[in-house]
PDB file of N, CA and C in Angstrom:
ATOM      1  N   MET A   1       0.938  -1.147   0.130  1.00  0.00           N
ATOM      2  CA  MET A   1      -0.044  -0.253   0.013  1.00  0.00           C
ATOM      3  C   MET A   1       1.171   1.257  -0.065  1.00  0.00           C
ATOM      4  N   SER A   2       0.290   2.012  -0.653  1.00  0.00           N
ATOM      5  CA  SER A   2       1.516   3.569  -0.572  1.00  0.00           C
ATOM      6  C   SER A   2       1.275   4.250   0.161  1.00  0.00           C
ATOM      7  N   ASN A   3       1.933   4.882   0.654  1.00  0.00           N
ATOM      8  CA  ASN A   3       1.402   6.454   1.518  1.00  0.00           C
ATOM      9  C   ASN A   3       0.637   7.083   1.665  1.00  0.00           C
ATOM     10  N   LYS A   4       0.378   7.430   0.255  1.00  0.00           N
ATOM     11  CA  LYS A   4      -0.579   8.050   0.461  1.00  0.00           C
ATOM     12  C   LYS A   4      -2.109   7.303   0.297  1.00  0.00           C
ATOM     13  N   GLN A   5      -1.984   6.072  -0.259  1.00  0.00           N
ATOM     14  CA  GLN A   5      -3.094   5.217   0.519  1.00  0.00           C
ATOM     15  C   GLN A   5      -3.267   5.288   2.176  1.00  0.00           C
ATOM     16  N   LYS A   6      -2.486   5.222   2.499  1.00  0.00           N
ATOM     17  CA  LYS A   6      -2.175   4.799   3.791  1.00  0.00           C
ATOM     18  C   LYS A   6      -2.492   5.975   4.451  1.00  0.00           C
ATOM     19  N   TYR A   7      -2.160   7.268   4.373  1.00  0.00           N
ATOM     20  CA  TYR A   7      -2.646   8.432   4.524  1.00  0.00           C
ATOM     21  C   TYR A   7      -4.238   8.527   4.525  1.00  0.00           C
ATOM     22  N   GLN A   8      -4.749   8.559   3.434  1.00  0.00           N
ATOM     23  CA  GLN A   8      -5.807   8.837   3.191  1.00  0.00           C
ATOM     24  C   GLN A   8      -6.728   7.712   4.659  1.00  0.00           C
ATOM     25  N   ASP A   9      -6.620   6.362   4.205  1.00  0.00           N
ATOM     26  CA  ASP A   9      -6.841   5.698   5.435  1.00  0.00           C
ATOM     27  C   ASP A   9      -6.902   6.070   6.748  1.00  0.00           C
ATOM     28  N   ILE A  10      -6.136   6.168   7.295  1.00  0.00           N
ATOM     29  CA  ILE A  10      -5.917   7.048   8.392  1.00  0.00           C
ATOM     30  C   ILE A  10      -6.798   8.335   8.889  1.00  0.00           C
ATOM     31  N   PHE A  11      -7.291   9.077   7.904  1.00  0.00           N
ATOM     32  CA  PHE A  11      -8.108  10.227   7.648  1.00  0.00           C
ATOM     33  C   PHE A  11      -9.834   9.659   8.213  1.00  0.00           C
ATOM     34  N   ILE A  12      -9.883   8.324   7.031  1.00  0.00           N
ATOM     35  CA  ILE A  12     -11.110   7.632   7.001  1.00  0.00           C
ATOM     36  C   ILE A  12     -11.453   7.425   8.440  1.00  0.00           C
ATOM     37  N   LYS A  13     -10.330   6.586   8.562  1.00  0.00           N
ATOM     38  CA  LYS A  13     -10.908   5.708  10.050  1.00  0.00           C
ATOM     39  C   LYS A  13     -10.365   6.500  11.624  1.00  0.00           C
ATOM     40  N   SER A  14      -9.504   7.674  11.375  1.00  0.00           N
ATOM     41  CA  SER A  14      -9.475   8.133  13.080  1.00  0.00           C
ATOM     42  C   SER A  14     -10.866   9.007  12.474  1.00  0.00           C
ATOM     43  N   LEU A  15     -10.994   9.874  11.553  1.00  0.00           N
ATOM     44  CA  LEU A  15     -12.628  10.560  11.858  1.00  0.00           C
ATOM     45  C   LEU A  15     -13.768   9.512  11.513  1.00  0.00           C
ATOM     46  N   SER A  16     -13.537   8.444  11.343  1.00  0.00           N
ATOM     47  CA  SER A  16     -15.195   8.037  11.105  1.00  0.00           C
ATOM     48  C   SER A  16     -15.960   8.214  10.570  1.00  0.00           C
ATOM     49  N   ILE A  17     -15.213   8.746   9.133  1.00  0.00           N
ATOM     50  CA  ILE A  17     -15.877   8.722   8.320  1.00  0.00           C
ATOM     51  C   ILE A  17     -16.261   8.136   6.923  1.00  0.00           C
ATOM     52  N   SER A  18     -16.944   7.894   6.098  1.00  0.00           N
ATOM     53  CA  SER A  18     -17.267   7.053   5.131  1.00  0.00           C
ATOM     54  C   SER A  18     -16.272   7.698   3.994  1.00  0.00           C
ATOM     55  N   ASN A  19     -16.214   6.907   2.969  1.00  0.00           N
ATOM     56  CA  ASN A  19     -15.002   6.899   2.029  1.00  0.00           C
ATOM     57  C   ASN A  19     -15.614   7.998   0.618  1.00  0.00           C
ATOM     58  N   LYS A  20     -16.895   7.938   0.873  1.00  0.00           N
ATOM     59  CA  LYS A  20     -17.793   8.572   0.387  1.00  0.00           C
ATOM     60  C   LYS A  20     -17.756  10.630   0.251  1.00  0.00           C
ATOM     61  N   LYS A  21     -17.620  10.535   2.233  1.00  0.00           N
ATOM     62  CA  LYS A  21     -17.533  11.728   2.750  1.00  0.00           C
ATOM     63  C   LYS A  21     -16.266  12.006   2.470  1.00  0.00           C
ATOM     64  N   PHE A  22     -15.052  11.642   2.389  1.00  0.00           N
ATOM     65  CA  PHE A  22     -13.775  11.814   2.325  1.00  0.00           C
ATOM     66  C   PHE A  22     -13.306  12.264   0.992  1.00  0.00           C
ATOM     67  N   ASP A  23     -12.355  13.889   1.004  1.00  0.00           N
ATOM     68  CA  ASP A  23     -12.261  14.506  -0.033  1.00  0.00           C
ATOM     69  C   ASP A  23     -10.917  15.255   0.672  1.00  0.00           C
ATOM     70  N   GLU A  24      -9.892  15.380  -0.366  1.00  0.00           N
ATOM     71  CA  GLU A  24      -8.850  15.910  -0.343  1.00  0.00           C
ATOM     72  C   GLU A  24      -8.896  16.987   0.160  1.00  0.00           C
ATOM     73  N   ASN A  25      -9.984  17.958  -0.204  1.00  0.00           N
ATOM     74  CA  ASN A  25      -9.882  19.406   0.491  1.00  0.00           C
ATOM     75  C   ASN A  25     -10.677  19.712   1.734  1.00  0.00           C
ATOM     76  N   LEU A  26     -10.898  18.588   2.937  1.00  0.00           N
ATOM     77  CA  LEU A  26     -11.285  18.603   4.375  1.00  0.00           C
ATOM     78  C   LEU A  26     -10.247  19.183   4.916  1.00  0.00           C
ATOM     79  N   LYS A  27     -10.540  20.213   5.811  1.00  0.00           N
ATOM     80  CA  LYS A  27     -10.173  21.378   6.544  1.00  0.00           C
ATOM     81  C   LYS A  27     -10.799  21.035   8.454  1.00  0.00           C
ATOM     82  N   TYR A  28      -9.971  21.354   9.119  1.00  0.00           N
ATOM     83  CA  TYR A  28     -10.064  20.804  10.740  1.00  0.00           C
ATOM     84  C   TYR A  28     -11.672  21.896  10.748  1.00  0.00           C
ATOM     85  N   ASN A  29     -12.090  21.208  11.567  1.00  0.00           N
ATOM     86  CA  ASN A  29     -13.525  21.517  11.443  1.00  0.00           C
ATOM     87  C   ASN A  29     -14.245  22.062  10.633  1.00  0.00           C
ATOM     88  N   GLU A  30     -14.324  21.612   9.778  1.00  0.00           N
ATOM     89  CA  GLU A  30     -15.373  22.054   8.314  1.00  0.00           C
ATOM     90  C   GLU A  30     -16.200  20.496   8.442  1.00  0.00           C
ATOM     91  N   ILE A  31     -15.975  19.458   9.272  1.00  0.00           N
ATOM     92  CA  ILE A  31     -16.693  18.168   9.766  1.00  0.00           C
ATOM     93  C   ILE A  31     -17.074  18.065  10.225  1.00  0.00           C
ATOM     94  N   PRO A  32     -18.065  17.394  11.303  1.00  0.00           N
ATOM     95  CA  PRO A  32     -18.231  17.847  12.557  1.00  0.00           C
ATOM     96  C   PRO A  32     -17.513  16.748  13.387  1.00  0.00           C
ATOM     97  N   GLU A  33     -17.402  15.842  12.513  1.00  0.00           N
ATOM     98  CA  GLU A  33     -16.472  14.623  12.569  1.00  0.00           C
ATOM     99  C   GLU A  33     -14.642  14.918  13.090  1.00  0.00           C
ATOM    100  N   TRP A  34     -14.120  16.052  12.238  1.00  0.00           N
ATOM    101  CA  TRP A  34     -12.847  16.461  12.546  1.00  0.00           C
ATOM    102  C   TRP A  34     -13.262  17.750  13.630  1.00  0.00           C
ATOM    103  N   ASP A  35     -13.451  17.347  14.597  1.00  0.00           N
ATOM    104  CA  ASP A  35     -13.378  18.030  15.523  1.00  0.00           C
ATOM    105  C   ASP A  35     -11.809  18.417  16.483  1.00  0.00           C
ATOM    106  N   SER A  36     -11.921  18.708  18.359  1.00  0.00           N
ATOM    107  CA  SER A  36     -10.611  18.935  18.538  1.00  0.00           C
ATOM    108  C   SER A  36     -10.060  17.134  18.786  1.00  0.00           C
ATOM    109  N   ILE A  37     -10.752  16.365  19.369  1.00  0.00           N
ATOM    110  CA  ILE A  37     -10.730  14.967  19.794  1.00  0.00           C
ATOM    111  C   ILE A  37     -10.352  14.066  18.230  1.00  0.00           C
ATOM    112  N   GLY A  38     -11.211  14.037  16.875  1.00  0.00           N
ATOM    113  CA  GLY A  38     -10.798  13.660  16.106  1.00  0.00           C
ATOM    114  C   GLY A  38      -9.303  13.880  15.554  1.00  0.00           C
ATOM    115  N   HIS A  39      -8.804  15.227  15.885  1.00  0.00           N
ATOM    116  CA  HIS A  39      -8.110  15.707  15.431  1.00  0.00           C
ATOM    117  C   HIS A  39      -6.554  15.012  16.077  1.00  0.00           C
ATOM    118  N   MET A  40      -6.719  14.941  17.289  1.00  0.00           N
ATOM    119  CA  MET A  40      -5.705  14.365  18.332  1.00  0.00           C
ATOM    120  C   MET A  40      -5.799  12.547  17.719  1.00  0.00           C
ATOM    121  N   THR A  41      -7.184  12.208  17.601  1.00  0.00           N
ATOM    122  CA  THR A  41      -6.941  10.391  17.073  1.00  0.00           C
ATOM    123  C   THR A  41      -6.036  10.485  15.603  1.00  0.00           C
ATOM    124  N   LEU A  42      -6.217  11.438  14.928  1.00  0.00           N
ATOM    125  CA  LEU A  42      -5.689  11.346  13.703  1.00  0.00           C
ATOM    126  C   LEU A  42      -4.105  11.513  13.707  1.00  0.00           C
ATOM    127  N   ILE A  43      -3.770  12.329  14.493  1.00  0.00           N
ATOM    128  CA  ILE A  43      -2.617  12.911  14.887  1.00  0.00           C
ATOM    129  C   ILE A  43      -1.630  11.274  15.072  1.00  0.00           C
ATOM    130  N   SER A  44      -2.203  10.695  16.463  1.00  0.00           N
ATOM    131  CA  SER A  44      -2.185   9.562  17.269  1.00  0.00           C
ATOM    132  C   SER A  44      -2.003   8.508  15.980  1.00  0.00           C
ATOM    133  N   GLY A  45      -2.899   8.478  14.820  1.00  0.00           N
ATOM    134  CA  GLY A  45      -2.356   7.533  14.187  1.00  0.00           C
ATOM    135  C   GLY A  45      -1.835   7.366  13.039  1.00  0.00           C
ATOM    136  N   LEU A  46      -1.613   8.792  12.653  1.00  0.00           N
ATOM    137  CA  LEU A  46      -0.055   9.150  11.623  1.00  0.00           C
ATOM    138  C   LEU A  46       1.137   8.445  12.451  1.00  0.00           C
ATOM    139  N   GLU A  47       0.834   8.966  13.478  1.00  0.00           N
ATOM    140  CA  GLU A  47       2.215   8.416  14.349  1.00  0.00           C
ATOM    141  C   GLU A  47       2.504   6.940  14.486  1.00  0.00           C
ATOM    142  N   GLU A  48       1.767   6.077  14.878  1.00  0.00           N
ATOM    143  CA  GLU A  48       1.500   5.170  15.053  1.00  0.00           C
ATOM    144  C   GLU A  48       1.642   4.506  13.694  1.00  0.00           C
ATOM    145  N   VAL A  49       1.539   4.694  12.541  1.00  0.00           N
ATOM    146  CA  VAL A  49       1.165   4.264  11.383  1.00  0.00           C
ATOM    147  C   VAL A  49       3.061   4.420  10.490  1.00  0.00           C
ATOM    148  N   PHE A  50       3.094   5.692  10.615  1.00  0.00           N
ATOM    149  CA  PHE A  50       4.686   5.625   9.875  1.00  0.00           C
ATOM    150  C   PHE A  50       5.624   5.988  11.139  1.00  0.00           C
ATOM    151  N   SER A  51       5.418   5.766  12.223  1.00  0.00           N
ATOM    152  CA  SER A  51       6.201   5.318  13.629  1.00  0.00           C
ATOM    153  C   SER A  51       7.206   6.670  13.598  1.00  0.00           C
ATOM    154  N   ILE A  52       6.588   8.019  13.575  1.00  0.00           N
ATOM    155  CA  ILE A  52       7.056   9.349  13.663  1.00  0.00           C
ATOM    156  C   ILE A  52       6.307   9.773  15.144  1.00  0.00           C
ATOM    157  N   SER A  53       6.879  10.636  15.356  1.00  0.00           N
ATOM    158  CA  SER A  53       6.619  11.608  16.921  1.00  0.00           C
ATOM    159  C   SER A  53       6.002  13.006  16.526  1.00  0.00           C
ATOM    160  N   ILE A  54       5.397  13.721  16.049  1.00  0.00           N
ATOM    161  CA  ILE A  54       4.879  14.743  15.335  1.00  0.00           C
ATOM    162  C   ILE A  54       5.009  16.082  16.330  1.00  0.00           C
ATOM    163  N   GLU A  55       5.535  17.161  16.180  1.00  0.00           N
ATOM    164  CA  GLU A  55       6.344  17.932  17.095  1.00  0.00           C
ATOM    165  C   GLU A  55       4.488  19.281  17.493  1.00  0.00           C
ATOM    166  N   THR A  56       4.628  19.488  18.713  1.00  0.00           N
ATOM    167  CA  THR A  56       3.551  20.247  18.803  1.00  0.00           C
ATOM    168  C   THR A  56       2.503  21.278  17.823  1.00  0.00           C
ATOM    169  N   ASP A  57       4.144  21.895  17.290  1.00  0.00           N
ATOM    170  CA  ASP A  57       3.815  23.337  16.970  1.00  0.00           C
ATOM    171  C   ASP A  57       3.074  22.364  15.199  1.00  0.00           C
ATOM    172  N   ASP A  58       3.567  21.569  14.975  1.00  0.00           N
ATOM    173  CA  ASP A  58       3.015  20.475  13.766  1.00  0.00           C
ATOM    174  C   ASP A  58       1.461  20.027  13.902  1.00  0.00           C
ATOM    175  N   ILE A  59       1.235  19.589  14.775  1.00  0.00           N
ATOM    176  CA  ILE A  59      -0.312  19.146  15.543  1.00  0.00           C
ATOM    177  C   ILE A  59      -1.004  21.056  15.467  1.00  0.00           C
ATOM    178  N   VAL A  60      -0.499  21.324  15.822  1.00  0.00           N
ATOM    179  CA  VAL A  60      -1.192  22.849  15.744  1.00  0.00           C
ATOM    180  C   VAL A  60      -1.816  23.278  14.246  1.00  0.00           C
ATOM    181  N   ASP A  61      -0.315  23.120  13.716  1.00  0.00           N
ATOM    182  CA  ASP A  61      -0.482  23.449  12.334  1.00  0.00           C
ATOM    183  C   ASP A  61      -1.083  22.646  11.136  1.00  0.00           C
ATOM    184  N   PHE A  62      -1.082  21.753  11.633  1.00  0.00           N
ATOM    185  CA  PHE A  62      -1.789  20.588  10.936  1.00  0.00           C
ATOM    186  C   PHE A  62      -3.525  20.946  10.675  1.00  0.00           C
ATOM    187  N   SER A  63      -3.742  21.786   9.604  1.00  0.00           N
ATOM    188  CA  SER A  63      -5.428  22.073   9.873  1.00  0.00           C
ATOM    189  C   SER A  63      -6.232  21.255   8.406  1.00  0.00           C
ATOM    190  N   SER A  64      -5.429  20.499   7.562  1.00  0.00           N
ATOM    191  CA  SER A  64      -5.910  20.570   6.544  1.00  0.00           C
ATOM    192  C   SER A  64      -5.410  19.438   6.065  1.00  0.00           C
ATOM    193  N   TYR A  65      -5.925  18.216   5.146  1.00  0.00           N
ATOM    194  CA  TYR A  65      -5.309  17.116   4.544  1.00  0.00           C
ATOM    195  C   TYR A  65      -4.068  17.493   3.698  1.00  0.00           C
ATOM    196  N   LYS A  66      -4.314  18.732   3.283  1.00  0.00           N
ATOM    197  CA  LYS A  66      -3.519  18.508   1.900  1.00  0.00           C
ATOM    198  C   LYS A  66      -2.351  19.672   2.565  1.00  0.00           C
ATOM    199  N   LYS A  67      -2.164  20.841   4.041  1.00  0.00           N
ATOM    200  CA  LYS A  67      -1.391  21.287   4.674  1.00  0.00           C
ATOM    201  C   LYS A  67      -0.477  19.460   5.240  1.00  0.00           C
ATOM    202  N   GLY A  68      -1.769  18.851   5.532  1.00  0.00           N
ATOM    203  CA  GLY A  68      -0.651  17.503   5.959  1.00  0.00           C
ATOM    204  C   GLY A  68       0.352  16.675   5.282  1.00  0.00           C
ATOM    205  N   ILE A  69      -0.235  16.823   4.164  1.00  0.00           N
ATOM    206  CA  ILE A  69       0.893  16.569   3.356  1.00  0.00           C
ATOM    207  C   ILE A  69       2.255  16.964   3.220  1.00  0.00           C
ATOM    208  N   GLY A  70       2.275  18.466   3.341  1.00  0.00           N
ATOM    209  CA  GLY A  70       3.518  19.374   3.603  1.00  0.00           C
ATOM    210  C   GLY A  70       4.527  19.077   4.901  1.00  0.00           C
ATOM    211  N   ILE A  71       3.613  18.838   5.859  1.00  0.00           N
ATOM    212  CA  ILE A  71       4.172  18.657   7.574  1.00  0.00           C
ATOM    213  C   ILE A  71       4.776  17.309   7.352  1.00  0.00           C
ATOM    214  N   LEU A  72       4.110  15.933   6.739  1.00  0.00           N
ATOM    215  CA  LEU A  72       4.254  15.130   7.085  1.00  0.00           C
ATOM    216  C   LEU A  72       5.927  14.968   6.070  1.00  0.00           C
ATOM    217  N   LYS A  73       6.029  15.739   5.004  1.00  0.00           N
ATOM    218  CA  LYS A  73       7.417  15.474   4.654  1.00  0.00           C
ATOM    219  C   LYS A  73       8.619  15.993   5.689  1.00  0.00           C
ATOM    220  N   LYS A  74       8.427  16.639   6.230  1.00  0.00           N
ATOM    221  CA  LYS A  74       9.393  17.356   7.245  1.00  0.00           C
ATOM    222  C   LYS A  74       9.888  15.705   7.800  1.00  0.00           C
ATOM    223  N   TYR A  75       9.191  14.865   7.929  1.00  0.00           N
ATOM    224  CA  TYR A  75       9.035  13.898   8.746  1.00  0.00           C
ATOM    225  C   TYR A  75       9.744  12.550   7.836  1.00  0.00           C
ATOM    226  N   ASN A  76      10.150  13.270   6.741  1.00  0.00           N
ATOM    227  CA  ASN A  76      10.757  11.611   5.393  1.00  0.00           C
ATOM    228  C   ASN A  76       9.188  11.223   4.621  1.00  0.00           C
ATOM    229  N   ILE A  77       8.040  11.433   5.210  1.00  0.00           N
ATOM    230  CA  ILE A  77       6.881  10.873   4.843  1.00  0.00           C
ATOM    231  C   ILE A  77       6.544  11.202   3.363  1.00  0.00           C
ATOM    232  N   ASN A  78       6.543  11.086   2.672  1.00  0.00           N
ATOM    233  CA  ASN A  78       6.547  11.459   0.995  1.00  0.00           C
ATOM    234  C   ASN A  78       5.167  10.402   0.525  1.00  0.00           C
ATOM    235  N   LEU A  79       4.122  11.229   0.409  1.00  0.00           N
ATOM    236  CA  LEU A  79       3.034  11.146  -0.062  1.00  0.00           C
ATOM    237  C   LEU A  79       2.554  11.491  -1.984  1.00  0.00           C
TER     238      LEU A  79
END
């Protein structure tokens, strides 16, 4: 499975959304599922699957699906 597919799957699983509801334009707090609890579940999932530890500033800055791709590049995760 590609890193991009893993990334998408983490979003779907962590936020408990359907494949149909998933969109690459997802942004924090734009859907009810991506609230503060969903956000931390998402971060935890990313850390576990990619075996990384995301810094606090990056957790706060992780405001959209697309923004997350750039943040993960800092951790040598290419999507």
